[in-house]
Amino acid sequence: MIELSESNFEKEVIEKSKIIPVLVDFWAPWCGPCQMLGPVLEKLEGSYTGRFILAKINVDDNGNIAGKYSIMSIPNVKLFKDGKVVDEFVGTKPEPSIKAFLDKNV
């Protein structure tokens, strides 16, 4: 799992997504649902061994990135491939739903 900031977003998400899918979790520390979703995403990253990279970005600390990607509510999870968002979901989801989302995309 990679911690993102405005300074490394381009390199860690846009550039890496040209090689491997990057799943970006837009979150904030005060967001209860974000706290519930994070561990599920981390667990799935481990079980999908090398099929995607998980990256997290705190929207409170990185408002320009959140604005660029039109983050209106969190948690917001976007999957990047070839430098672009190819799929996303908003809110928490049960693990089987997230697996189906990943299976469709990675």
PDB file of N, CA and C in Angstrom:
ATOM      1  N   MET A   1       0.841  -1.172   0.000  1.00  0.00           N
ATOM      2  CA  MET A   1       0.000   0.000   0.000  1.00  0.00           C
ATOM      3  C   MET A   1       0.890   1.240   0.000  1.00  0.00           C
ATOM      4  N   ILE A   2       0.501   2.194  -0.839  1.00  0.00           N
ATOM      5  CA  ILE A   2       1.268   3.417  -0.991  1.00  0.00           C
ATOM      6  C   ILE A   2       0.458   4.579  -0.427  1.00  0.00           C
ATOM      7  N   GLU A   3       1.107   5.422   0.365  1.00  0.00           N
ATOM      8  CA  GLU A   3       0.499   6.669   0.836  1.00  0.00           C
ATOM      9  C   GLU A   3       0.765   7.731  -0.212  1.00  0.00           C
ATOM     10  N   LEU A   4      -0.289   8.337  -0.720  1.00  0.00           N
ATOM     11  CA  LEU A   4      -0.151   9.332  -1.773  1.00  0.00           C
ATOM     12  C   LEU A   4      -0.201  10.755  -1.228  1.00  0.00           C
ATOM     13  N   SER A   5       0.387  11.656  -2.014  1.00  0.00           N
ATOM     14  CA  SER A   5       0.303  13.089  -1.761  1.00  0.00           C
ATOM     15  C   SER A   5       0.267  13.768  -3.119  1.00  0.00           C
ATOM     16  N   GLU A   6       0.075  15.072  -3.100  1.00  0.00           N
ATOM     17  CA  GLU A   6       0.063  15.791  -4.366  1.00  0.00           C
ATOM     18  C   GLU A   6       1.415  15.695  -5.074  1.00  0.00           C
ATOM     19  N   SER A   7       2.487  15.555  -4.299  1.00  0.00           N
ATOM     20  CA  SER A   7       3.824  15.510  -4.909  1.00  0.00           C
ATOM     21  C   SER A   7       4.142  14.167  -5.569  1.00  0.00           C
ATOM     22  N   ASN A   8       3.524  13.066  -5.133  1.00  0.00           N
ATOM     23  CA  ASN A   8       3.873  11.769  -5.730  1.00  0.00           C
ATOM     24  C   ASN A   8       2.720  11.125  -6.513  1.00  0.00           C
ATOM     25  N   PHE A   9       1.569  11.793  -6.606  1.00  0.00           N
ATOM     26  CA  PHE A   9       0.397  11.207  -7.260  1.00  0.00           C
ATOM     27  C   PHE A   9       0.687  10.852  -8.714  1.00  0.00           C
ATOM     28  N   GLU A  10       1.282  11.764  -9.454  1.00  0.00           N
ATOM     29  CA  GLU A  10       1.563  11.542 -10.876  1.00  0.00           C
ATOM     30  C   GLU A  10       2.428  10.291 -11.064  1.00  0.00           C
ATOM     31  N   LYS A  11       3.496  10.194 -10.297  1.00  0.00           N
ATOM     32  CA  LYS A  11       4.433   9.068 -10.432  1.00  0.00           C
ATOM     33  C   LYS A  11       3.808   7.752  -9.960  1.00  0.00           C
ATOM     34  N   GLU A  12       3.184   7.774  -8.794  1.00  0.00           N
ATOM     35  CA  GLU A  12       2.695   6.537  -8.171  1.00  0.00           C
ATOM     36  C   GLU A  12       1.371   6.037  -8.743  1.00  0.00           C
ATOM     37  N   VAL A  13       0.564   6.925  -9.315  1.00  0.00           N
ATOM     38  CA  VAL A  13      -0.728   6.504  -9.851  1.00  0.00           C
ATOM     39  C   VAL A  13      -0.732   6.555 -11.381  1.00  0.00           C
ATOM     40  N   ILE A  14      -0.541   7.726 -11.922  1.00  0.00           N
ATOM     41  CA  ILE A  14      -0.663   7.896 -13.374  1.00  0.00           C
ATOM     42  C   ILE A  14       0.394   7.061 -14.103  1.00  0.00           C
ATOM     43  N   GLU A  15       1.657   7.193 -13.719  1.00  0.00           N
ATOM     44  CA  GLU A  15       2.725   6.462 -14.408  1.00  0.00           C
ATOM     45  C   GLU A  15       2.649   4.949 -14.146  1.00  0.00           C
ATOM     46  N   LYS A  16       2.476   4.553 -12.871  1.00  0.00           N
ATOM     47  CA  LYS A  16       2.429   3.113 -12.553  1.00  0.00           C
ATOM     48  C   LYS A  16       1.220   2.428 -13.166  1.00  0.00           C
ATOM     49  N   SER A  17       0.108   3.174 -13.328  1.00  0.00           N
ATOM     50  CA  SER A  17      -1.100   2.550 -13.881  1.00  0.00           C
ATOM     51  C   SER A  17      -0.927   2.199 -15.358  1.00  0.00           C
ATOM     52  N   LYS A  18       0.140   2.662 -15.971  1.00  0.00           N
ATOM     53  CA  LYS A  18       0.434   2.279 -17.354  1.00  0.00           C
ATOM     54  C   LYS A  18       1.061   0.886 -17.407  1.00  0.00           C
ATOM     55  N   ILE A  19       1.478   0.377 -16.226  1.00  0.00           N
ATOM     56  CA  ILE A  19       2.096  -0.948 -16.117  1.00  0.00           C
ATOM     57  C   ILE A  19       1.181  -1.927 -15.391  1.00  0.00           C
ATOM     58  N   ILE A  20       0.562  -1.459 -14.310  1.00  0.00           N
ATOM     59  CA  ILE A  20      -0.286  -2.300 -13.459  1.00  0.00           C
ATOM     60  C   ILE A  20      -1.455  -1.443 -12.956  1.00  0.00           C
ATOM     61  N   PRO A  21      -2.661  -2.009 -12.821  1.00  0.00           N
ATOM     62  CA  PRO A  21      -3.774  -1.212 -12.293  1.00  0.00           C
ATOM     63  C   PRO A  21      -3.455  -0.672 -10.887  1.00  0.00           C
ATOM     64  N   VAL A  22      -3.893   0.558 -10.641  1.00  0.00           N
ATOM     65  CA  VAL A  22      -3.708   1.192  -9.332  1.00  0.00           C
ATOM     66  C   VAL A  22      -5.085   1.540  -8.777  1.00  0.00           C
ATOM     67  N   LEU A  23      -5.391   0.993  -7.609  1.00  0.00           N
ATOM     68  CA  LEU A  23      -6.659   1.254  -6.929  1.00  0.00           C
ATOM     69  C   LEU A  23      -6.413   2.349  -5.899  1.00  0.00           C
ATOM     70  N   VAL A  24      -7.074   3.495  -6.073  1.00  0.00           N
ATOM     71  CA  VAL A  24      -6.849   4.635  -5.186  1.00  0.00           C
ATOM     72  C   VAL A  24      -8.053   4.814  -4.262  1.00  0.00           C
ATOM     73  N   ASP A  25      -7.765   4.791  -2.973  1.00  0.00           N
ATOM     74  CA  ASP A  25      -8.759   4.992  -1.924  1.00  0.00           C
ATOM     75  C   ASP A  25      -8.664   6.442  -1.462  1.00  0.00           C
ATOM     76  N   PHE A  26      -9.676   7.255  -1.819  1.00  0.00           N
ATOM     77  CA  PHE A  26      -9.756   8.634  -1.353  1.00  0.00           C
ATOM     78  C   PHE A  26     -10.482   8.596  -0.011  1.00  0.00           C
ATOM     79  N   TRP A  27      -9.835   9.057   1.058  1.00  0.00           N
ATOM     80  CA  TRP A  27     -10.347   8.888   2.411  1.00  0.00           C
ATOM     81  C   TRP A  27      -9.975  10.094   3.277  1.00  0.00           C
ATOM     82  N   ALA A  28     -10.451  10.089   4.516  1.00  0.00           N
ATOM     83  CA  ALA A  28     -10.065  11.076   5.525  1.00  0.00           C
ATOM     84  C   ALA A  28     -10.093  10.388   6.890  1.00  0.00           C
ATOM     85  N   PRO A  29      -9.232  10.839   7.817  1.00  0.00           N
ATOM     86  CA  PRO A  29      -9.150  10.185   9.128  1.00  0.00           C
ATOM     87  C   PRO A  29     -10.437  10.247   9.951  1.00  0.00           C
ATOM     88  N   TRP A  30     -11.255  11.267   9.757  1.00  0.00           N
ATOM     89  CA  TRP A  30     -12.488  11.429  10.533  1.00  0.00           C
ATOM     90  C   TRP A  30     -13.651  10.614   9.977  1.00  0.00           C
ATOM     91  N   CYS A  31     -13.467   9.982   8.828  1.00  0.00           N
ATOM     92  CA  CYS A  31     -14.542   9.278   8.117  1.00  0.00           C
ATOM     93  C   CYS A  31     -14.662   7.834   8.611  1.00  0.00           C
ATOM     94  N   GLY A  32     -15.727   7.548   9.356  1.00  0.00           N
ATOM     95  CA  GLY A  32     -15.939   6.203   9.883  1.00  0.00           C
ATOM     96  C   GLY A  32     -15.999   5.123   8.813  1.00  0.00           C
ATOM     97  N   PRO A  33     -16.808   5.305   7.764  1.00  0.00           N
ATOM     98  CA  PRO A  33     -16.851   4.296   6.709  1.00  0.00           C
ATOM     99  C   PRO A  33     -15.478   4.072   6.058  1.00  0.00           C
ATOM    100  N   CYS A  34     -14.674   5.136   5.957  1.00  0.00           N
ATOM    101  CA  CYS A  34     -13.320   4.998   5.394  1.00  0.00           C
ATOM    102  C   CYS A  34     -12.476   4.067   6.267  1.00  0.00           C
ATOM    103  N   GLN A  35     -12.642   4.206   7.580  1.00  0.00           N
ATOM    104  CA  GLN A  35     -11.880   3.376   8.517  1.00  0.00           C
ATOM    105  C   GLN A  35     -12.284   1.901   8.399  1.00  0.00           C
ATOM    106  N   MET A  36     -13.534   1.657   8.032  1.00  0.00           N
ATOM    107  CA  MET A  36     -14.007   0.287   7.853  1.00  0.00           C
ATOM    108  C   MET A  36     -13.537  -0.295   6.518  1.00  0.00           C
ATOM    109  N   LEU A  37     -13.532   0.522   5.466  1.00  0.00           N
ATOM    110  CA  LEU A  37     -13.173   0.050   4.137  1.00  0.00           C
ATOM    111  C   LEU A  37     -11.678  -0.210   3.982  1.00  0.00           C
ATOM    112  N   GLY A  38     -10.846   0.644   4.576  1.00  0.00           N
ATOM    113  CA  GLY A  38      -9.395   0.540   4.418  1.00  0.00           C
ATOM    114  C   GLY A  38      -8.834  -0.849   4.673  1.00  0.00           C
ATOM    115  N   PRO A  39      -9.126  -1.476   5.810  1.00  0.00           N
ATOM    116  CA  PRO A  39      -8.584  -2.811   6.084  1.00  0.00           C
ATOM    117  C   PRO A  39      -9.045  -3.869   5.078  1.00  0.00           C
ATOM    118  N   VAL A  40     -10.264  -3.736   4.560  1.00  0.00           N
ATOM    119  CA  VAL A  40     -10.767  -4.690   3.557  1.00  0.00           C
ATOM    120  C   VAL A  40      -9.942  -4.558   2.280  1.00  0.00           C
ATOM    121  N   LEU A  41      -9.700  -3.316   1.851  1.00  0.00           N
ATOM    122  CA  LEU A  41      -8.894  -3.097   0.644  1.00  0.00           C
ATOM    123  C   LEU A  41      -7.470  -3.621   0.827  1.00  0.00           C
ATOM    124  N   GLU A  42      -6.899  -3.399   2.014  1.00  0.00           N
ATOM    125  CA  GLU A  42      -5.539  -3.880   2.286  1.00  0.00           C
ATOM    126  C   GLU A  42      -5.486  -5.409   2.265  1.00  0.00           C
ATOM    127  N   LYS A  43      -6.495  -6.049   2.826  1.00  0.00           N
ATOM    128  CA  LYS A  43      -6.559  -7.508   2.812  1.00  0.00           C
ATOM    129  C   LYS A  43      -6.638  -8.026   1.370  1.00  0.00           C
ATOM    130  N   LEU A  44      -7.486  -7.391   0.567  1.00  0.00           N
ATOM    131  CA  LEU A  44      -7.643  -7.827  -0.824  1.00  0.00           C
ATOM    132  C   LEU A  44      -6.370  -7.595  -1.636  1.00  0.00           C
ATOM    133  N   GLU A  45      -5.669  -6.505  -1.361  1.00  0.00           N
ATOM    134  CA  GLU A  45      -4.406  -6.272  -2.062  1.00  0.00           C
ATOM    135  C   GLU A  45      -3.462  -7.449  -1.819  1.00  0.00           C
ATOM    136  N   GLY A  46      -3.427  -7.932  -0.581  1.00  0.00           N
ATOM    137  CA  GLY A  46      -2.592  -9.080  -0.255  1.00  0.00           C
ATOM    138  C   GLY A  46      -3.030 -10.347  -0.954  1.00  0.00           C
ATOM    139  N   SER A  47      -4.333 -10.567  -1.052  1.00  0.00           N
ATOM    140  CA  SER A  47      -4.813 -11.810  -1.664  1.00  0.00           C
ATOM    141  C   SER A  47      -4.758 -11.776  -3.196  1.00  0.00           C
ATOM    142  N   TYR A  48      -4.670 -10.592  -3.779  1.00  0.00           N
ATOM    143  CA  TYR A  48      -4.559 -10.485  -5.232  1.00  0.00           C
ATOM    144  C   TYR A  48      -3.099 -10.371  -5.687  1.00  0.00           C
ATOM    145  N   THR A  49      -2.197 -10.697  -4.812  1.00  0.00           N
ATOM    146  CA  THR A  49      -0.747 -10.677  -5.040  1.00  0.00           C
ATOM    147  C   THR A  49      -0.268 -10.172  -6.396  1.00  0.00           C
ATOM    148  N   GLY A  50       0.030  -8.898  -6.434  1.00  0.00           N
ATOM    149  CA  GLY A  50       0.661  -8.325  -7.609  1.00  0.00           C
ATOM    150  C   GLY A  50      -0.251  -8.017  -8.781  1.00  0.00           C
ATOM    151  N   ARG A  51      -1.556  -8.197  -8.619  1.00  0.00           N
ATOM    152  CA  ARG A  51      -2.467  -7.917  -9.742  1.00  0.00           C
ATOM    153  C   ARG A  51      -2.888  -6.451  -9.773  1.00  0.00           C
ATOM    154  N   PHE A  52      -2.728  -5.742  -8.643  1.00  0.00           N
ATOM    155  CA  PHE A  52      -2.974  -4.307  -8.594  1.00  0.00           C
ATOM    156  C   PHE A  52      -2.203  -3.712  -7.426  1.00  0.00           C
ATOM    157  N   ILE A  53      -2.048  -2.397  -7.466  1.00  0.00           N
ATOM    158  CA  ILE A  53      -1.414  -1.659  -6.373  1.00  0.00           C
ATOM    159  C   ILE A  53      -2.513  -0.881  -5.659  1.00  0.00           C
ATOM    160  N   LEU A  54      -2.496  -0.923  -4.332  1.00  0.00           N
ATOM    161  CA  LEU A  54      -3.417  -0.121  -3.537  1.00  0.00           C
ATOM    162  C   LEU A  54      -2.695   1.148  -3.100  1.00  0.00           C
ATOM    163  N   ALA A  55      -3.349   2.276  -3.305  1.00  0.00           N
ATOM    164  CA  ALA A  55      -2.805   3.557  -2.880  1.00  0.00           C
ATOM    165  C   ALA A  55      -3.911   4.326  -2.159  1.00  0.00           C
ATOM    166  N   LYS A  56      -3.517   5.080  -1.125  1.00  0.00           N
ATOM    167  CA  LYS A  56      -4.493   5.836  -0.342  1.00  0.00           C
ATOM    168  C   LYS A  56      -4.095   7.297  -0.351  1.00  0.00           C
ATOM    169  N   ILE A  57      -5.113   8.169  -0.459  1.00  0.00           N
ATOM    170  CA  ILE A  57      -4.842   9.603  -0.399  1.00  0.00           C
ATOM    171  C   ILE A  57      -5.844  10.276   0.531  1.00  0.00           C
ATOM    172  N   ASN A  58      -5.312  11.012   1.491  1.00  0.00           N
ATOM    173  CA  ASN A  58      -6.116  11.746   2.461  1.00  0.00           C
ATOM    174  C   ASN A  58      -6.625  13.017   1.779  1.00  0.00           C
ATOM    175  N   VAL A  59      -7.941  13.099   1.588  1.00  0.00           N
ATOM    176  CA  VAL A  59      -8.511  14.235   0.862  1.00  0.00           C
ATOM    177  C   VAL A  59      -8.384  15.546   1.633  1.00  0.00           C
ATOM    178  N   ASP A  60      -8.312  15.476   2.963  1.00  0.00           N
ATOM    179  CA  ASP A  60      -8.143  16.698   3.757  1.00  0.00           C
ATOM    180  C   ASP A  60      -6.783  17.337   3.498  1.00  0.00           C
ATOM    181  N   ASP A  61      -5.775  16.522   3.306  1.00  0.00           N
ATOM    182  CA  ASP A  61      -4.413  17.023   3.097  1.00  0.00           C
ATOM    183  C   ASP A  61      -4.075  17.250   1.630  1.00  0.00           C
ATOM    184  N   ASN A  62      -4.907  16.786   0.734  1.00  0.00           N
ATOM    185  CA  ASN A  62      -4.608  16.833  -0.699  1.00  0.00           C
ATOM    186  C   ASN A  62      -5.822  17.302  -1.495  1.00  0.00           C
ATOM    187  N   GLY A  63      -6.300  18.483  -1.161  1.00  0.00           N
ATOM    188  CA  GLY A  63      -7.519  19.017  -1.752  1.00  0.00           C
ATOM    189  C   GLY A  63      -7.455  19.217  -3.259  1.00  0.00           C
ATOM    190  N   ASN A  64      -6.276  19.542  -3.795  1.00  0.00           N
ATOM    191  CA  ASN A  64      -6.181  19.756  -5.241  1.00  0.00           C
ATOM    192  C   ASN A  64      -6.458  18.472  -6.006  1.00  0.00           C
ATOM    193  N   ILE A  65      -5.917  17.345  -5.516  1.00  0.00           N
ATOM    194  CA  ILE A  65      -6.151  16.056  -6.175  1.00  0.00           C
ATOM    195  C   ILE A  65      -7.624  15.668  -6.027  1.00  0.00           C
ATOM    196  N   ALA A  66      -8.164  15.853  -4.820  1.00  0.00           N
ATOM    197  CA  ALA A  66      -9.576  15.530  -4.586  1.00  0.00           C
ATOM    198  C   ALA A  66     -10.463  16.346  -5.522  1.00  0.00           C
ATOM    199  N   GLY A  67     -10.141  17.610  -5.714  1.00  0.00           N
ATOM    200  CA  GLY A  67     -10.905  18.453  -6.621  1.00  0.00           C
ATOM    201  C   GLY A  67     -10.768  18.016  -8.068  1.00  0.00           C
ATOM    202  N   LYS A  68      -9.558  17.677  -8.457  1.00  0.00           N
ATOM    203  CA  LYS A  68      -9.308  17.256  -9.839  1.00  0.00           C
ATOM    204  C   LYS A  68     -10.140  16.028 -10.205  1.00  0.00           C
ATOM    205  N   TYR A  69     -10.327  15.112  -9.237  1.00  0.00           N
ATOM    206  CA  TYR A  69     -11.075  13.889  -9.494  1.00  0.00           C
ATOM    207  C   TYR A  69     -12.513  13.952  -8.974  1.00  0.00           C
ATOM    208  N   SER A  70     -12.993  15.166  -8.719  1.00  0.00           N
ATOM    209  CA  SER A  70     -14.399  15.413  -8.351  1.00  0.00           C
ATOM    210  C   SER A  70     -14.872  14.557  -7.184  1.00  0.00           C
ATOM    211  N   ILE A  71     -14.065  14.510  -6.132  1.00  0.00           N
ATOM    212  CA  ILE A  71     -14.448  13.742  -4.946  1.00  0.00           C
ATOM    213  C   ILE A  71     -15.469  14.560  -4.162  1.00  0.00           C
ATOM    214  N   MET A  72     -16.705  14.069  -4.139  1.00  0.00           N
ATOM    215  CA  MET A  72     -17.792  14.765  -3.442  1.00  0.00           C
ATOM    216  C   MET A  72     -18.142  14.088  -2.127  1.00  0.00           C
ATOM    217  N   SER A  73     -17.915  12.775  -2.044  1.00  0.00           N
ATOM    218  CA  SER A  73     -18.150  12.052  -0.797  1.00  0.00           C
ATOM    219  C   SER A  73     -17.118  10.937  -0.705  1.00  0.00           C
ATOM    220  N   ILE A  74     -16.846  10.545   0.518  1.00  0.00           N
ATOM    221  CA  ILE A  74     -15.846   9.502   0.766  1.00  0.00           C
ATOM    222  C   ILE A  74     -16.451   8.433   1.660  1.00  0.00           C
ATOM    223  N   PRO A  75     -15.917   7.223   1.624  1.00  0.00           N
ATOM    224  CA  PRO A  75     -14.813   6.787   0.785  1.00  0.00           C
ATOM    225  C   PRO A  75     -15.210   6.761  -0.689  1.00  0.00           C
ATOM    226  N   ASN A  76     -14.222   7.057  -1.511  1.00  0.00           N
ATOM    227  CA  ASN A  76     -14.381   7.024  -2.957  1.00  0.00           C
ATOM    228  C   ASN A  76     -13.173   6.247  -3.474  1.00  0.00           C
ATOM    229  N   VAL A  77     -13.423   5.195  -4.214  1.00  0.00           N
ATOM    230  CA  VAL A  77     -12.346   4.319  -4.699  1.00  0.00           C
ATOM    231  C   VAL A  77     -12.360   4.353  -6.224  1.00  0.00           C
ATOM    232  N   LYS A  78     -11.211   4.699  -6.794  1.00  0.00           N
ATOM    233  CA  LYS A  78     -11.098   4.792  -8.247  1.00  0.00           C
ATOM    234  C   LYS A  78      -9.988   3.858  -8.723  1.00  0.00           C
ATOM    235  N   LEU A  79     -10.255   3.163  -9.812  1.00  0.00           N
ATOM    236  CA  LEU A  79      -9.268   2.271 -10.404  1.00  0.00           C
ATOM    237  C   LEU A  79      -8.684   2.947 -11.644  1.00  0.00           C
ATOM    238  N   PHE A  80      -7.363   3.091 -11.633  1.00  0.00           N
ATOM    239  CA  PHE A  80      -6.647   3.713 -12.743  1.00  0.00           C
ATOM    240  C   PHE A  80      -5.943   2.645 -13.575  1.00  0.00           C
ATOM    241  N   LYS A  81      -6.089   2.766 -14.897  1.00  0.00           N
ATOM    242  CA  LYS A  81      -5.347   1.951 -15.864  1.00  0.00           C
ATOM    243  C   LYS A  81      -4.921   2.884 -16.977  1.00  0.00           C
ATOM    244  N   ASP A  82      -3.724   2.695 -17.474  1.00  0.00           N
ATOM    245  CA  ASP A  82      -3.217   3.518 -18.582  1.00  0.00           C
ATOM    246  C   ASP A  82      -3.373   5.012 -18.315  1.00  0.00           C
ATOM    247  N   GLY A  83      -3.182   5.397 -17.042  1.00  0.00           N
ATOM    248  CA  GLY A  83      -3.207   6.804 -16.683  1.00  0.00           C
ATOM    249  C   GLY A  83      -4.580   7.418 -16.515  1.00  0.00           C
ATOM    250  N   LYS A  84      -5.644   6.609 -16.623  1.00  0.00           N
ATOM    251  CA  LYS A  84      -7.008   7.140 -16.538  1.00  0.00           C
ATOM    252  C   LYS A  84      -7.862   6.335 -15.566  1.00  0.00           C
ATOM    253  N   VAL A  85      -8.911   6.973 -15.052  1.00  0.00           N
ATOM    254  CA  VAL A  85      -9.897   6.273 -14.224  1.00  0.00           C
ATOM    255  C   VAL A  85     -10.737   5.402 -15.148  1.00  0.00           C
ATOM    256  N   VAL A  86     -10.785   4.091 -14.851  1.00  0.00           N
ATOM    257  CA  VAL A  86     -11.588   3.181 -15.674  1.00  0.00           C
ATOM    258  C   VAL A  86     -12.821   2.655 -14.949  1.00  0.00           C
ATOM    259  N   ASP A  87     -12.831   2.749 -13.618  1.00  0.00           N
ATOM    260  CA  ASP A  87     -13.995   2.317 -12.848  1.00  0.00           C
ATOM    261  C   ASP A  87     -13.879   2.908 -11.453  1.00  0.00           C
ATOM    262  N   GLU A  88     -14.982   2.921 -10.724  1.00  0.00           N
ATOM    263  CA  GLU A  88     -14.963   3.484  -9.374  1.00  0.00           C
ATOM    264  C   GLU A  88     -16.190   3.047  -8.601  1.00  0.00           C
ATOM    265  N   PHE A  89     -16.118   3.211  -7.284  1.00  0.00           N
ATOM    266  CA  PHE A  89     -17.307   3.076  -6.442  1.00  0.00           C
ATOM    267  C   PHE A  89     -17.186   4.041  -5.279  1.00  0.00           C
ATOM    268  N   VAL A  90     -18.334   4.411  -4.732  1.00  0.00           N
ATOM    269  CA  VAL A  90     -18.402   5.348  -3.621  1.00  0.00           C
ATOM    270  C   VAL A  90     -19.075   4.648  -2.457  1.00  0.00           C
ATOM    271  N   GLY A  91     -18.535   4.856  -1.257  1.00  0.00           N
ATOM    272  CA  GLY A  91     -19.110   4.256  -0.057  1.00  0.00           C
ATOM    273  C   GLY A  91     -18.483   2.912   0.243  1.00  0.00           C
ATOM    274  N   THR A  92     -18.913   2.334   1.334  1.00  0.00           N
ATOM    275  CA  THR A  92     -18.396   1.020   1.701  1.00  0.00           C
ATOM    276  C   THR A  92     -19.190  -0.046   0.963  1.00  0.00           C
ATOM    277  N   LYS A  93     -18.527  -1.141   0.737  1.00  0.00           N
ATOM    278  CA  LYS A  93     -19.158  -2.289   0.085  1.00  0.00           C
ATOM    279  C   LYS A  93     -18.694  -3.538   0.816  1.00  0.00           C
ATOM    280  N   PRO A  94     -19.500  -4.596   0.799  1.00  0.00           N
ATOM    281  CA  PRO A  94     -19.047  -5.846   1.398  1.00  0.00           C
ATOM    282  C   PRO A  94     -17.909  -6.438   0.555  1.00  0.00           C
ATOM    283  N   GLU A  95     -17.067  -7.200   1.205  1.00  0.00           N
ATOM    284  CA  GLU A  95     -15.900  -7.774   0.536  1.00  0.00           C
ATOM    285  C   GLU A  95     -16.244  -8.493  -0.772  1.00  0.00           C
ATOM    286  N   PRO A  96     -17.313  -9.323  -0.832  1.00  0.00           N
ATOM    287  CA  PRO A  96     -17.630  -9.990  -2.102  1.00  0.00           C
ATOM    288  C   PRO A  96     -17.902  -8.999  -3.249  1.00  0.00           C
ATOM    289  N   SER A  97     -18.522  -7.872  -2.941  1.00  0.00           N
ATOM    290  CA  SER A  97     -18.786  -6.865  -3.974  1.00  0.00           C
ATOM    291  C   SER A  97     -17.486  -6.227  -4.463  1.00  0.00           C
ATOM    292  N   ILE A  98     -16.565  -5.992  -3.547  1.00  0.00           N
ATOM    293  CA  ILE A  98     -15.272  -5.413  -3.936  1.00  0.00           C
ATOM    294  C   ILE A  98     -14.482  -6.431  -4.754  1.00  0.00           C
ATOM    295  N   LYS A  99     -14.559  -7.713  -4.374  1.00  0.00           N
ATOM    296  CA  LYS A  99     -13.891  -8.756  -5.166  1.00  0.00           C
ATOM    297  C   LYS A  99     -14.451  -8.786  -6.583  1.00  0.00           C
ATOM    298  N   ALA A 100     -15.755  -8.676  -6.721  1.00  0.00           N
ATOM    299  CA  ALA A 100     -16.373  -8.678  -8.061  1.00  0.00           C
ATOM    300  C   ALA A 100     -15.896  -7.473  -8.856  1.00  0.00           C
ATOM    301  N   PHE A 101     -15.796  -6.319  -8.201  1.00  0.00           N
ATOM    302  CA  PHE A 101     -15.277  -5.106  -8.842  1.00  0.00           C
ATOM    303  C   PHE A 101     -13.840  -5.346  -9.324  1.00  0.00           C
ATOM    304  N   LEU A 102     -13.026  -5.922  -8.474  1.00  0.00           N
ATOM    305  CA  LEU A 102     -11.618  -6.203  -8.856  1.00  0.00           C
ATOM    306  C   LEU A 102     -11.533  -7.243  -9.954  1.00  0.00           C
ATOM    307  N   ASP A 103     -12.298  -8.313  -9.831  1.00  0.00           N
ATOM    308  CA  ASP A 103     -12.258  -9.381 -10.839  1.00  0.00           C
ATOM    309  C   ASP A 103     -12.633  -8.855 -12.218  1.00  0.00           C
ATOM    310  N   LYS A 104     -13.550  -7.918 -12.259  1.00  0.00           N
ATOM    311  CA  LYS A 104     -13.979  -7.323 -13.518  1.00  0.00           C
ATOM    312  C   LYS A 104     -12.871  -6.450 -14.136  1.00  0.00           C
ATOM    313  N   ASN A 105     -12.004  -5.896 -13.278  1.00  0.00           N
ATOM    314  CA  ASN A 105     -11.067  -4.877 -13.736  1.00  0.00           C
ATOM    315  C   ASN A 105      -9.591  -5.259 -13.726  1.00  0.00           C
ATOM    316  N   VAL A 106      -9.196  -6.260 -12.973  1.00  0.00           N
ATOM    317  CA  VAL A 106      -7.744  -6.543 -12.921  1.00  0.00           C
ATOM    318  C   VAL A 106      -7.407  -7.906 -13.477  1.00  0.00           C
TER     319      VAL A 106
END
